[in-house]
Structures are given as C-alpha cells and as structure tokens.
PDB file of N, CA and C in Angstrom:
ATOM      1  N   MET A   1       0.844  -1.177   0.000  1.00  0.00           N
ATOM      2  CA  MET A   1       0.000   0.000   0.000  1.00  0.00           C
ATOM      3  C   MET A   1       0.892   1.244   0.000  1.00  0.00           C
ATOM      4  N   LEU A   2       0.495   2.231  -0.785  1.00  0.00           N
ATOM      5  CA  LEU A   2       1.244   3.485  -0.860  1.00  0.00           C
ATOM      6  C   LEU A   2       0.986   4.352   0.364  1.00  0.00           C
ATOM      7  N   SER A   3       2.017   5.033   0.802  1.00  0.00           N
ATOM      8  CA  SER A   3       1.830   5.987   1.896  1.00  0.00           C
ATOM      9  C   SER A   3       1.122   7.224   1.358  1.00  0.00           C
ATOM     10  N   ASN A   4       0.503   7.964   2.251  1.00  0.00           N
ATOM     11  CA  ASN A   4      -0.170   9.205   1.869  1.00  0.00           C
ATOM     12  C   ASN A   4       0.821  10.165   1.207  1.00  0.00           C
ATOM     13  N   GLN A   5       2.020  10.232   1.754  1.00  0.00           N
ATOM     14  CA  GLN A   5       3.057  11.122   1.222  1.00  0.00           C
ATOM     15  C   GLN A   5       3.440  10.722  -0.207  1.00  0.00           C
ATOM     16  N   LYS A   6       3.599   9.428  -0.459  1.00  0.00           N
ATOM     17  CA  LYS A   6       3.971   8.955  -1.797  1.00  0.00           C
ATOM     18  C   LYS A   6       2.825   9.202  -2.777  1.00  0.00           C
ATOM     19  N   MET A   7       1.597   8.950  -2.336  1.00  0.00           N
ATOM     20  CA  MET A   7       0.427   9.193  -3.187  1.00  0.00           C
ATOM     21  C   MET A   7       0.360  10.669  -3.566  1.00  0.00           C
ATOM     22  N   ASN A   8       0.589  11.552  -2.604  1.00  0.00           N
ATOM     23  CA  ASN A   8       0.568  12.994  -2.883  1.00  0.00           C
ATOM     24  C   ASN A   8       1.666  13.381  -3.868  1.00  0.00           C
ATOM     25  N   SER A   9       2.805  12.730  -3.755  1.00  0.00           N
ATOM     26  CA  SER A   9       3.903  12.988  -4.686  1.00  0.00           C
ATOM     27  C   SER A   9       3.503  12.601  -6.109  1.00  0.00           C
ATOM     28  N   TYR A  10       2.873  11.437  -6.252  1.00  0.00           N
ATOM     29  CA  TYR A  10       2.397  11.003  -7.570  1.00  0.00           C
ATOM     30  C   TYR A  10       1.330  11.952  -8.112  1.00  0.00           C
ATOM     31  N   LEU A  11       0.402  12.364  -7.252  1.00  0.00           N
ATOM     32  CA  LEU A  11      -0.657  13.275  -7.687  1.00  0.00           C
ATOM     33  C   LEU A  11      -0.082  14.607  -8.161  1.00  0.00           C
ATOM     34  N   LYS A  12       0.932  15.097  -7.450  1.00  0.00           N
ATOM     35  CA  LYS A  12       1.577  16.352  -7.848  1.00  0.00           C
ATOM     36  C   LYS A  12       2.227  16.198  -9.221  1.00  0.00           C
ATOM     37  N   GLU A  13       2.872  15.074  -9.428  1.00  0.00           N
ATOM     38  CA  GLU A  13       3.519  14.810 -10.719  1.00  0.00           C
ATOM     39  C   GLU A  13       2.484  14.723 -11.842  1.00  0.00           C
ATOM     40  N   ILE A  14       1.399  14.003 -11.597  1.00  0.00           N
ATOM     41  CA  ILE A  14       0.336  13.871 -12.596  1.00  0.00           C
ATOM     42  C   ILE A  14      -0.289  15.227 -12.890  1.00  0.00           C
ATOM     43  N   ALA A  15      -0.544  16.007 -11.844  1.00  0.00           N
ATOM     44  CA  ALA A  15      -1.125  17.346 -12.027  1.00  0.00           C
ATOM     45  C   ALA A  15      -0.237  18.190 -12.935  1.00  0.00           C
ATOM     46  N   GLY A  16       1.063  18.105 -12.742  1.00  0.00           N
ATOM     47  CA  GLY A  16       1.991  18.853 -13.586  1.00  0.00           C
ATOM     48  C   GLY A  16       1.940  18.402 -15.032  1.00  0.00           C
ATOM     49  N   ILE A  17       1.834  17.105 -15.241  1.00  0.00           N
ATOM     50  CA  ILE A  17       1.794  16.549 -16.599  1.00  0.00           C
ATOM     51  C   ILE A  17       0.542  17.003 -17.344  1.00  0.00           C
ATOM     52  N   VAL A  18      -0.600  17.004 -16.646  1.00  0.00           N
ATOM     53  CA  VAL A  18      -1.865  17.345 -17.317  1.00  0.00           C
ATOM     54  C   VAL A  18      -2.219  18.825 -17.206  1.00  0.00           C
ATOM     55  N   GLY A  19      -1.357  19.602 -16.578  1.00  0.00           N
ATOM     56  CA  GLY A  19      -1.563  21.050 -16.542  1.00  0.00           C
ATOM     57  C   GLY A  19      -2.514  21.561 -15.477  1.00  0.00           C
ATOM     58  N   ILE A  20      -2.681  20.812 -14.403  1.00  0.00           N
ATOM     59  CA  ILE A  20      -3.499  21.285 -13.283  1.00  0.00           C
ATOM     60  C   ILE A  20      -2.610  22.142 -12.396  1.00  0.00           C
ATOM     61  N   ASN A  21      -2.990  23.394 -12.219  1.00  0.00           N
ATOM     62  CA  ASN A  21      -2.164  24.328 -11.456  1.00  0.00           C
ATOM     63  C   ASN A  21      -2.645  24.530 -10.027  1.00  0.00           C
ATOM     64  N   LYS A  22      -3.537  23.682  -9.558  1.00  0.00           N
ATOM     65  CA  LYS A  22      -4.037  23.767  -8.187  1.00  0.00           C
ATOM     66  C   LYS A  22      -3.368  22.690  -7.344  1.00  0.00           C
ATOM     67  N   GLU A  23      -3.392  22.919  -6.032  1.00  0.00           N
ATOM     68  CA  GLU A  23      -2.876  21.901  -5.117  1.00  0.00           C
ATOM     69  C   GLU A  23      -3.738  20.654  -5.253  1.00  0.00           C
ATOM     70  N   LEU A  24      -3.112  19.510  -5.348  1.00  0.00           N
ATOM     71  CA  LEU A  24      -3.831  18.252  -5.483  1.00  0.00           C
ATOM     72  C   LEU A  24      -3.230  17.254  -4.506  1.00  0.00           C
ATOM     73  N   THR A  25      -4.057  16.808  -3.564  1.00  0.00           N
ATOM     74  CA  THR A  25      -3.619  15.819  -2.580  1.00  0.00           C
ATOM     75  C   THR A  25      -4.648  14.708  -2.518  1.00  0.00           C
ATOM     76  N   PHE A  26      -4.273  13.611  -1.883  1.00  0.00           N
ATOM     77  CA  PHE A  26      -5.203  12.497  -1.732  1.00  0.00           C
ATOM     78  C   PHE A  26      -6.437  12.938  -0.947  1.00  0.00           C
ATOM     79  N   HIS A  27      -6.225  13.751   0.087  1.00  0.00           N
ATOM     80  CA  HIS A  27      -7.347  14.245   0.893  1.00  0.00           C
ATOM     81  C   HIS A  27      -8.296  15.082   0.035  1.00  0.00           C
ATOM     82  N   ILE A  28      -7.749  15.976  -0.773  1.00  0.00           N
ATOM     83  CA  ILE A  28      -8.577  16.808  -1.652  1.00  0.00           C
ATOM     84  C   ILE A  28      -9.327  15.928  -2.652  1.00  0.00           C
ATOM     85  N   ALA A  29      -8.659  14.905  -3.177  1.00  0.00           N
ATOM     86  CA  ALA A  29      -9.302  13.997  -4.127  1.00  0.00           C
ATOM     87  C   ALA A  29     -10.472  13.256  -3.478  1.00  0.00           C
ATOM     88  N   ARG A  30     -10.283  12.772  -2.253  1.00  0.00           N
ATOM     89  CA  ARG A  30     -11.384  12.090  -1.537  1.00  0.00           C
ATOM     90  C   ARG A  30     -12.541  13.047  -1.296  1.00  0.00           C
ATOM     91  N   HIS A  31     -12.204  14.259  -0.893  1.00  0.00           N
ATOM     92  CA  HIS A  31     -13.222  15.267  -0.613  1.00  0.00           C
ATOM     93  C   HIS A  31     -14.018  15.591  -1.879  1.00  0.00           C
ATOM     94  N   THR A  32     -13.321  15.779  -2.994  1.00  0.00           N
ATOM     95  CA  THR A  32     -13.980  16.065  -4.269  1.00  0.00           C
ATOM     96  C   THR A  32     -14.861  14.902  -4.684  1.00  0.00           C
ATOM     97  N   PHE A  33     -14.361  13.683  -4.525  1.00  0.00           N
ATOM     98  CA  PHE A  33     -15.154  12.505  -4.854  1.00  0.00           C
ATOM     99  C   PHE A  33     -16.430  12.469  -4.023  1.00  0.00           C
ATOM    100  N   ALA A  34     -16.296  12.704  -2.718  1.00  0.00           N
ATOM    101  CA  ALA A  34     -17.450  12.624  -1.820  1.00  0.00           C
ATOM    102  C   ALA A  34     -18.485  13.694  -2.117  1.00  0.00           C
ATOM    103  N   THR A  35     -18.043  14.895  -2.414  1.00  0.00           N
ATOM    104  CA  THR A  35     -18.990  16.001  -2.593  1.00  0.00           C
ATOM    105  C   THR A  35     -19.390  16.187  -4.045  1.00  0.00           C
ATOM    106  N   THR A  36     -18.465  16.555  -4.880  1.00  0.00           N
ATOM    107  CA  THR A  36     -18.765  16.925  -6.260  1.00  0.00           C
ATOM    108  C   THR A  36     -19.252  15.750  -7.094  1.00  0.00           C
ATOM    109  N   ILE A  37     -18.607  14.618  -6.951  1.00  0.00           N
ATOM    110  CA  ILE A  37     -18.923  13.492  -7.825  1.00  0.00           C
ATOM    111  C   ILE A  37     -20.108  12.677  -7.324  1.00  0.00           C
ATOM    112  N   THR A  38     -20.218  12.473  -6.029  1.00  0.00           N
ATOM    113  CA  THR A  38     -21.281  11.586  -5.540  1.00  0.00           C
ATOM    114  C   THR A  38     -22.467  12.341  -4.938  1.00  0.00           C
ATOM    115  N   LEU A  39     -22.269  13.017  -3.820  1.00  0.00           N
ATOM    116  CA  LEU A  39     -23.401  13.648  -3.132  1.00  0.00           C
ATOM    117  C   LEU A  39     -24.108  14.688  -3.997  1.00  0.00           C
ATOM    118  N   ASN A  40     -23.361  15.487  -4.739  1.00  0.00           N
ATOM    119  CA  ASN A  40     -23.985  16.494  -5.608  1.00  0.00           C
ATOM    120  C   ASN A  40     -24.787  15.872  -6.746  1.00  0.00           C
ATOM    121  N   HIS A  41     -24.553  14.601  -7.020  1.00  0.00           N
ATOM    122  CA  HIS A  41     -25.270  13.927  -8.098  1.00  0.00           C
ATOM    123  C   HIS A  41     -26.275  12.905  -7.571  1.00  0.00           C
ATOM    124  N   GLY A  42     -26.656  13.066  -6.318  1.00  0.00           N
ATOM    125  CA  GLY A  42     -27.756  12.269  -5.772  1.00  0.00           C
ATOM    126  C   GLY A  42     -27.409  10.885  -5.268  1.00  0.00           C
ATOM    127  N   VAL A  43     -26.143  10.556  -5.163  1.00  0.00           N
ATOM    128  CA  VAL A  43     -25.781   9.251  -4.607  1.00  0.00           C
ATOM    129  C   VAL A  43     -26.111   9.274  -3.115  1.00  0.00           C
ATOM    130  N   PRO A  44     -26.856   8.283  -2.628  1.00  0.00           N
ATOM    131  CA  PRO A  44     -27.235   8.274  -1.207  1.00  0.00           C
ATOM    132  C   PRO A  44     -26.013   8.319  -0.290  1.00  0.00           C
ATOM    133  N   ILE A  45     -26.172   9.023   0.813  1.00  0.00           N
ATOM    134  CA  ILE A  45     -25.066   9.198   1.757  1.00  0.00           C
ATOM    135  C   ILE A  45     -24.562   7.855   2.294  1.00  0.00           C
ATOM    136  N   GLU A  46     -25.457   6.875   2.421  1.00  0.00           N
ATOM    137  CA  GLU A  46     -25.041   5.553   2.901  1.00  0.00           C
ATOM    138  C   GLU A  46     -24.062   4.903   1.915  1.00  0.00           C
ATOM    139  N   THR A  47     -24.322   5.086   0.623  1.00  0.00           N
ATOM    140  CA  THR A  47     -23.439   4.537  -0.405  1.00  0.00           C
ATOM    141  C   THR A  47     -22.087   5.242  -0.381  1.00  0.00           C
ATOM    142  N   VAL A  48     -22.123   6.564  -0.272  1.00  0.00           N
ATOM    143  CA  VAL A  48     -20.882   7.340  -0.210  1.00  0.00           C
ATOM    144  C   VAL A  48     -20.070   6.912   1.005  1.00  0.00           C
ATOM    145  N   SER A  49     -20.739   6.707   2.119  1.00  0.00           N
ATOM    146  CA  SER A  49     -20.075   6.278   3.346  1.00  0.00           C
ATOM    147  C   SER A  49     -19.320   4.965   3.130  1.00  0.00           C
ATOM    148  N   LYS A  50     -19.979   4.022   2.491  1.00  0.00           N
ATOM    149  CA  LYS A  50     -19.337   2.725   2.219  1.00  0.00           C
ATOM    150  C   LYS A  50     -18.163   2.887   1.260  1.00  0.00           C
ATOM    151  N   LEU A  51     -18.359   3.703   0.210  1.00  0.00           N
ATOM    152  CA  LEU A  51     -17.288   3.916  -0.770  1.00  0.00           C
ATOM    153  C   LEU A  51     -16.045   4.538  -0.140  1.00  0.00           C
ATOM    154  N   LEU A  52     -16.260   5.417   0.840  1.00  0.00           N
ATOM    155  CA  LEU A  52     -15.140   6.076   1.514  1.00  0.00           C
ATOM    156  C   LEU A  52     -14.526   5.212   2.614  1.00  0.00           C
ATOM    157  N   GLY A  53     -15.177   4.091   2.922  1.00  0.00           N
ATOM    158  CA  GLY A  53     -14.655   3.206   3.956  1.00  0.00           C
ATOM    159  C   GLY A  53     -14.952   3.672   5.365  1.00  0.00           C
ATOM    160  N   HIS A  54     -15.941   4.550   5.505  1.00  0.00           N
ATOM    161  CA  HIS A  54     -16.300   5.033   6.834  1.00  0.00           C
ATOM    162  C   HIS A  54     -17.024   3.934   7.603  1.00  0.00           C
ATOM    163  N   THR A  55     -16.743   3.847   8.883  1.00  0.00           N
ATOM    164  CA  THR A  55     -17.398   2.851   9.726  1.00  0.00           C
ATOM    165  C   THR A  55     -18.653   3.406  10.378  1.00  0.00           C
ATOM    166  N   ASN A  56     -18.822   4.715  10.303  1.00  0.00           N
ATOM    167  CA  ASN A  56     -19.957   5.371  10.934  1.00  0.00           C
ATOM    168  C   ASN A  56     -20.470   6.453   9.990  1.00  0.00           C
ATOM    169  N   ILE A  57     -21.772   6.506   9.790  1.00  0.00           N
ATOM    170  CA  ILE A  57     -22.372   7.484   8.879  1.00  0.00           C
ATOM    171  C   ILE A  57     -22.061   8.921   9.303  1.00  0.00           C
ATOM    172  N   LYS A  58     -21.814   9.130  10.594  1.00  0.00           N
ATOM    173  CA  LYS A  58     -21.496  10.484  11.074  1.00  0.00           C
ATOM    174  C   LYS A  58     -20.222  11.023  10.433  1.00  0.00           C
ATOM    175  N   GLN A  59     -19.303  10.134  10.111  1.00  0.00           N
ATOM    176  CA  GLN A  59     -18.080  10.571   9.426  1.00  0.00           C
ATOM    177  C   GLN A  59     -18.424  11.177   8.062  1.00  0.00           C
ATOM    178  N   THR A  60     -19.394  10.602   7.395  1.00  0.00           N
ATOM    179  CA  THR A  60     -19.774  11.041   6.052  1.00  0.00           C
ATOM    180  C   THR A  60     -20.675  12.269   6.100  1.00  0.00           C
ATOM    181  N   GLN A  61     -21.407  12.445   7.175  1.00  0.00           N
ATOM    182  CA  GLN A  61     -22.322  13.582   7.280  1.00  0.00           C
ATOM    183  C   GLN A  61     -21.583  14.909   7.200  1.00  0.00           C
ATOM    184  N   HIS A  62     -20.307  14.923   7.520  1.00  0.00           N
ATOM    185  CA  HIS A  62     -19.491  16.133   7.370  1.00  0.00           C
ATOM    186  C   HIS A  62     -19.567  16.633   5.927  1.00  0.00           C
ATOM    187  N   TYR A  63     -19.475  15.723   4.975  1.00  0.00           N
ATOM    188  CA  TYR A  63     -19.530  16.096   3.562  1.00  0.00           C
ATOM    189  C   TYR A  63     -20.919  16.594   3.184  1.00  0.00           C
ATOM    190  N   ALA A  64     -21.949  15.960   3.730  1.00  0.00           N
ATOM    191  CA  ALA A  64     -23.322  16.377   3.432  1.00  0.00           C
ATOM    192  C   ALA A  64     -23.587  17.783   3.954  1.00  0.00           C
ATOM    193  N   LYS A  65     -23.013  18.134   5.100  1.00  0.00           N
ATOM    194  CA  LYS A  65     -23.184  19.491   5.633  1.00  0.00           C
ATOM    195  C   LYS A  65     -22.574  20.510   4.689  1.00  0.00           C
ATOM    196  N   LEU A  66     -21.456  20.161   4.067  1.00  0.00           N
ATOM    197  CA  LEU A  66     -20.838  21.060   3.092  1.00  0.00           C
ATOM    198  C   LEU A  66     -21.761  21.268   1.900  1.00  0.00           C
ATOM    199  N   ILE A  67     -22.454  20.216   1.499  1.00  0.00           N
ATOM    200  CA  ILE A  67     -23.403  20.320   0.388  1.00  0.00           C
ATOM    201  C   ILE A  67     -24.546  21.245   0.786  1.00  0.00           C
ATOM    202  N   ASP A  68     -25.062  21.102   2.018  1.00  0.00           N
ATOM    203  CA  ASP A  68     -26.139  21.972   2.498  1.00  0.00           C
ATOM    204  C   ASP A  68     -25.710  23.431   2.489  1.00  0.00           C
ATOM    205  N   LYS A  69     -24.476  23.701   2.905  1.00  0.00           N
ATOM    206  CA  LYS A  69     -23.970  25.080   2.891  1.00  0.00           C
ATOM    207  C   LYS A  69     -23.906  25.609   1.467  1.00  0.00           C
ATOM    208  N   LYS A  70     -23.511  24.766   0.522  1.00  0.00           N
ATOM    209  CA  LYS A  70     -23.427  25.165  -0.881  1.00  0.00           C
ATOM    210  C   LYS A  70     -24.817  25.480  -1.415  1.00  0.00           C
ATOM    211  N   VAL A  71     -25.802  24.671  -1.085  1.00  0.00           N
ATOM    212  CA  VAL A  71     -27.177  24.915  -1.526  1.00  0.00           C
ATOM    213  C   VAL A  71     -27.665  26.250  -0.976  1.00  0.00           C
ATOM    214  N   SER A  72     -27.412  26.498   0.293  1.00  0.00           N
ATOM    215  CA  SER A  72     -27.830  27.766   0.904  1.00  0.00           C
ATOM    216  C   SER A  72     -27.157  28.953   0.223  1.00  0.00           C
ATOM    217  N   ALA A  73     -25.876  28.841  -0.033  1.00  0.00           N
ATOM    218  CA  ALA A  73     -25.148  29.931  -0.701  1.00  0.00           C
ATOM    219  C   ALA A  73     -25.672  30.148  -2.111  1.00  0.00           C
ATOM    220  N   ASP A  74     -25.950  29.067  -2.817  1.00  0.00           N
ATOM    221  CA  ASP A  74     -26.481  29.184  -4.178  1.00  0.00           C
ATOM    222  C   ASP A  74     -27.851  29.855  -4.179  1.00  0.00           C
ATOM    223  N   MET A  75     -28.673  29.532  -3.200  1.00  0.00           N
ATOM    224  CA  MET A  75     -30.006  30.140  -3.127  1.00  0.00           C
ATOM    225  C   MET A  75     -29.911  31.627  -2.787  1.00  0.00           C
ATOM    226  N   ARG A  76     -28.984  31.994  -1.911  1.00  0.00           N
ATOM    227  CA  ARG A  76     -28.777  33.419  -1.615  1.00  0.00           C
ATOM    228  C   ARG A  76     -28.339  34.163  -2.873  1.00  0.00           C
ATOM    229  N   GLU A  77     -27.459  33.557  -3.635  1.00  0.00           N
ATOM    230  CA  GLU A  77     -26.983  34.162  -4.887  1.00  0.00           C
ATOM    231  C   GLU A  77     -28.133  34.304  -5.882  1.00  0.00           C
ATOM    232  N   LEU A  78     -28.982  33.303  -5.956  1.00  0.00           N
ATOM    233  CA  LEU A  78     -30.133  33.370  -6.853  1.00  0.00           C
ATOM    234  C   LEU A  78     -31.057  34.510  -6.447  1.00  0.00           C
ATOM    235  N   THR A  79     -31.315  34.649  -5.161  1.00  0.00           N
ATOM    236  CA  THR A  79     -32.159  35.737  -4.667  1.00  0.00           C
ATOM    237  C   THR A  79     -31.529  37.083  -4.996  1.00  0.00           C
ATOM    238  N   PHE A  80     -30.220  37.196  -4.819  1.00  0.00           N
ATOM    239  CA  PHE A  80     -29.497  38.425  -5.135  1.00  0.00           C
ATOM    240  C   PHE A  80     -29.636  38.750  -6.620  1.00  0.00           C
ATOM    241  N   ARG A  81     -29.462  37.770  -7.470  1.00  0.00           N
ATOM    242  CA  ARG A  81     -29.580  37.991  -8.917  1.00  0.00           C
ATOM    243  C   ARG A  81     -31.001  38.387  -9.295  1.00  0.00           C
ATOM    244  N   LYS A  82     -31.976  37.752  -8.659  1.00  0.00           N
ATOM    245  CA  LYS A  82     -33.380  38.061  -8.937  1.00  0.00           C
ATOM    246  C   LYS A  82     -33.666  39.512  -8.576  1.00  0.00           C
ATOM    247  N   ASP A  83     -33.133  39.962  -7.435  1.00  0.00           N
ATOM    248  CA  ASP A  83     -33.324  41.354  -7.015  1.00  0.00           C
ATOM    249  C   ASP A  83     -32.711  42.323  -8.016  1.00  0.00           C
ATOM    250  N   ILE A  84     -31.554  41.994  -8.542  1.00  0.00           N
ATOM    251  CA  ILE A  84     -30.894  42.862  -9.523  1.00  0.00           C
ATOM    252  C   ILE A  84     -31.721  42.941 -10.803  1.00  0.00           C
ATOM    253  N   ILE A  85     -32.229  41.812 -11.252  1.00  0.00           N
ATOM    254  CA  ILE A  85     -33.016  41.775 -12.484  1.00  0.00           C
ATOM    255  C   ILE A  85     -34.329  42.529 -12.305  1.00  0.00           C
ATOM    256  N   SER A  86     -34.945  42.406 -11.138  1.00  0.00           N
ATOM    257  CA  SER A  86     -36.239  43.053 -10.870  1.00  0.00           C
ATOM    258  C   SER A  86     -36.122  44.564 -10.807  1.00  0.00           C
ATOM    259  N   ASN A  87     -34.972  45.064 -10.416  1.00  0.00           N
ATOM    260  CA  ASN A  87     -34.798  46.512 -10.252  1.00  0.00           C
ATOM    261  C   ASN A  87     -34.309  47.118 -11.491  1.00  0.00           C
TER     262      ASN A  87
END
C-alpha cells in the first residue's frame, strides 16, 4: 500500500503533466469525490459512506453538511440575482 506522502507525490507529478495548477492531494481527491462526484449527483449518503470506507455514517455527514452550505449559498446568490433583475 502506498503511503499518503507517496500518493501525494504522484498526484503532484500527474497534475503537472496534465496542466493542473491547483494543489492536489489524496485528501482533496477524496473530498472532491465525496462532494462533487457523488453527493452532488444524488448518490445516497449511505453509499458514499461505504465507498469512503467510513465505519460510521457520522463521518460522512461532514460532507453532506458542506453540500447543504453550498445549496444555501447558491439560493442566496439566486435571490441576489433576482433582485438585480427586478430593479
């Protein structure tokens, strides 16, 4: 099994090859998978929990809370845009 440090080294190398100029780590990749790829596309939290290897659903609920915050922020932005258009 690869260490976290070695995995991050490989990810950095791959990011450079494909032209990704953002920080890329295993933790960021897991986070993106949990939020952007699965939860944002309707995959049940129980499934995401199993995919991430969590032993307790509470570990996965952290990601769901981030999704809730994003929904709230998006709705505030929509309201702001609606106000601008109405005026």
